[in-house]
Amino acid sequence: MFDKEILKDVIADYKRDFTQFQWGNERYKWEAIQCFQQNMKERGKLQSILTNPA
């Protein structure tokens, strides 16, 4: 198995470093997802797009 305490430390370091170093490079992805979700709130529209792609 693995040491759960080490895993917790690694995850904590990742979260800290992500905000400090990665967020600038990754932010646009999360903003795009948020925009998509906000503009496709109606289940029917989203379902229609996913089941009948143009």
C-alpha atoms as a PDB file:
ATOM      1  CA  MET A   1       0.000   0.000   0.000  1.00  0.00           C
ATOM      2  CA  PHE A   2       0.995   3.615   0.412  1.00  0.00           C
ATOM      3  CA  ASP A   3       1.359   6.080   3.254  1.00  0.00           C
ATOM      4  CA  LYS A   4      -1.829   8.165   3.516  1.00  0.00           C
ATOM      5  CA  GLU A   5      -0.036  10.941   5.372  1.00  0.00           C
ATOM      6  CA  ILE A   6       2.410  11.386   2.515  1.00  0.00           C
ATOM      7  CA  LEU A   7      -0.508  11.487   0.071  1.00  0.00           C
ATOM      8  CA  LYS A   8      -2.231  14.186   2.145  1.00  0.00           C
ATOM      9  CA  ASP A   9       0.975  16.234   2.134  1.00  0.00           C
ATOM     10  CA  VAL A  10       1.388  15.847  -1.620  1.00  0.00           C
ATOM     11  CA  ILE A  11      -2.217  16.900  -2.260  1.00  0.00           C
ATOM     12  CA  ALA A  12      -1.848  19.930   0.017  1.00  0.00           C
ATOM     13  CA  ASP A  13       1.351  20.951  -1.804  1.00  0.00           C
ATOM     14  CA  TYR A  14      -0.345  20.479  -5.188  1.00  0.00           C
ATOM     15  CA  LYS A  15      -3.287  22.669  -4.201  1.00  0.00           C
ATOM     16  CA  ARG A  16      -0.998  25.391  -2.890  1.00  0.00           C
ATOM     17  CA  ASP A  17       1.242  25.283  -5.955  1.00  0.00           C
ATOM     18  CA  PHE A  18      -1.701  25.097  -8.366  1.00  0.00           C
ATOM     19  CA  THR A  19      -3.068  28.402  -7.146  1.00  0.00           C
ATOM     20  CA  GLN A  20       0.322  30.044  -7.128  1.00  0.00           C
ATOM     21  CA  PHE A  21       1.809  28.685 -10.360  1.00  0.00           C
ATOM     22  CA  GLN A  22      -0.771  26.919 -12.534  1.00  0.00           C
ATOM     23  CA  TRP A  23      -3.958  28.969 -12.214  1.00  0.00           C
ATOM     24  CA  GLY A  24      -2.740  31.552 -14.717  1.00  0.00           C
ATOM     25  CA  ASN A  25      -2.215  28.807 -17.310  1.00  0.00           C
ATOM     26  CA  GLU A  26      -5.405  26.892 -16.538  1.00  0.00           C
ATOM     27  CA  ARG A  27      -7.931  29.616 -15.778  1.00  0.00           C
ATOM     28  CA  TYR A  28      -9.243  29.923 -19.345  1.00  0.00           C
ATOM     29  CA  LYS A  29     -10.348  26.272 -19.282  1.00  0.00           C
ATOM     30  CA  TRP A  30     -12.420  26.722 -16.153  1.00  0.00           C
ATOM     31  CA  GLU A  31     -13.889  29.967 -17.463  1.00  0.00           C
ATOM     32  CA  ALA A  32     -14.887  28.228 -20.710  1.00  0.00           C
ATOM     33  CA  ILE A  33     -16.605  25.438 -18.781  1.00  0.00           C
ATOM     34  CA  GLN A  34     -18.417  27.954 -16.599  1.00  0.00           C
ATOM     35  CA  CYS A  35     -19.569  29.918 -19.656  1.00  0.00           C
ATOM     36  CA  PHE A  36     -20.848  26.756 -21.310  1.00  0.00           C
ATOM     37  CA  GLN A  37     -22.731  25.704 -18.194  1.00  0.00           C
ATOM     38  CA  GLN A  38     -24.304  29.121 -17.731  1.00  0.00           C
ATOM     39  CA  ASN A  39     -25.423  29.313 -21.350  1.00  0.00           C
ATOM     40  CA  MET A  40     -26.795  25.776 -21.496  1.00  0.00           C
ATOM     41  CA  LYS A  41     -28.796  25.600 -18.293  1.00  0.00           C
ATOM     42  CA  GLU A  42     -31.854  24.219 -19.956  1.00  0.00           C
ATOM     43  CA  ARG A  43     -31.474  20.452 -19.970  1.00  0.00           C
ATOM     44  CA  GLY A  44     -33.209  20.088 -23.307  1.00  0.00           C
ATOM     45  CA  LYS A  45     -30.756  22.349 -25.112  1.00  0.00           C
ATOM     46  CA  LEU A  46     -27.739  20.532 -23.702  1.00  0.00           C
ATOM     47  CA  GLN A  47     -29.227  17.114 -24.347  1.00  0.00           C
ATOM     48  CA  SER A  48     -30.088  18.101 -27.906  1.00  0.00           C
ATOM     49  CA  ILE A  49     -26.538  19.292 -28.586  1.00  0.00           C
ATOM     50  CA  LEU A  50     -24.967  16.148 -27.144  1.00  0.00           C
ATOM     51  CA  THR A  51     -27.301  13.665 -28.857  1.00  0.00           C
ATOM     52  CA  ASN A  52     -27.575  15.423 -32.235  1.00  0.00           C
ATOM     53  CA  PRO A  53     -24.244  17.066 -32.993  1.00  0.00           C
ATOM     54  CA  ALA A  54     -24.187  19.260 -36.073  1.00  0.00           C
END
